[in-house]
């Protein structure tokens, strides 16, 4: 049996604020297997983004262990964490963060080329992914020429371009109207399940959470 795509074991995260220590995460533990889509819910300010940043190796926990695909990340240096993040983890944020001077196709090609994929192969993969979300005819357009929903679709396929083991999404439809939000989630879930990767998706929307395999709740720094 393969290792879980993500394991959090007793993760804590403390911040100093105004001379006192703020305990954002208090021993959070979680496991995600390949092909599993999990909703992360909790009140505003509960630490969902912090947890995603730690799971995505963008922050180090105060204590506890993070494993991605069986690799223990605590002892990794910055270069090792960067390489693992590039090769094994995809990110989708509430705002698309596309590079405005590049086309949709080029935005999906860039992370692949940074990872050492040839331009030809990167272009083919970008075209395949954009076609799967109905954007084949918009591939040459820059972000400013795309609607909000189209921009977020590009952000989703960019996150999957390097065939990660794990997708982390922080309110990926938070800036979209309900109809567009539903369409983007449809395509995100179809892509994630089609690619067979694990996904942890933070959302405030109970309808979106209900469409996932299970839900975990972050409250008072603890996952339940």
Foldseek 3Di string as FASTA:
>chain_A
DWAFQKWWFQFWAWDDDPNDIDTLAGGAIDTHHFLAEEEEEEDPPSCPVVVLCCQLVVDPTPDTWMDGRNRTPPPDDPVVSVLLSLQAEFEAEQQLPFDQVAFLLVSLLVSVVVNPDDSVVSSVLSLVQCVLLPCNVRRRPGPVVDDRLSSLSSSLSSRCSNPHQEYEYEQSNVPDDPVSSVSSLVSSSVVSNVSRHYYYYYHHDVVSNVPGPYYWYRHPNYID
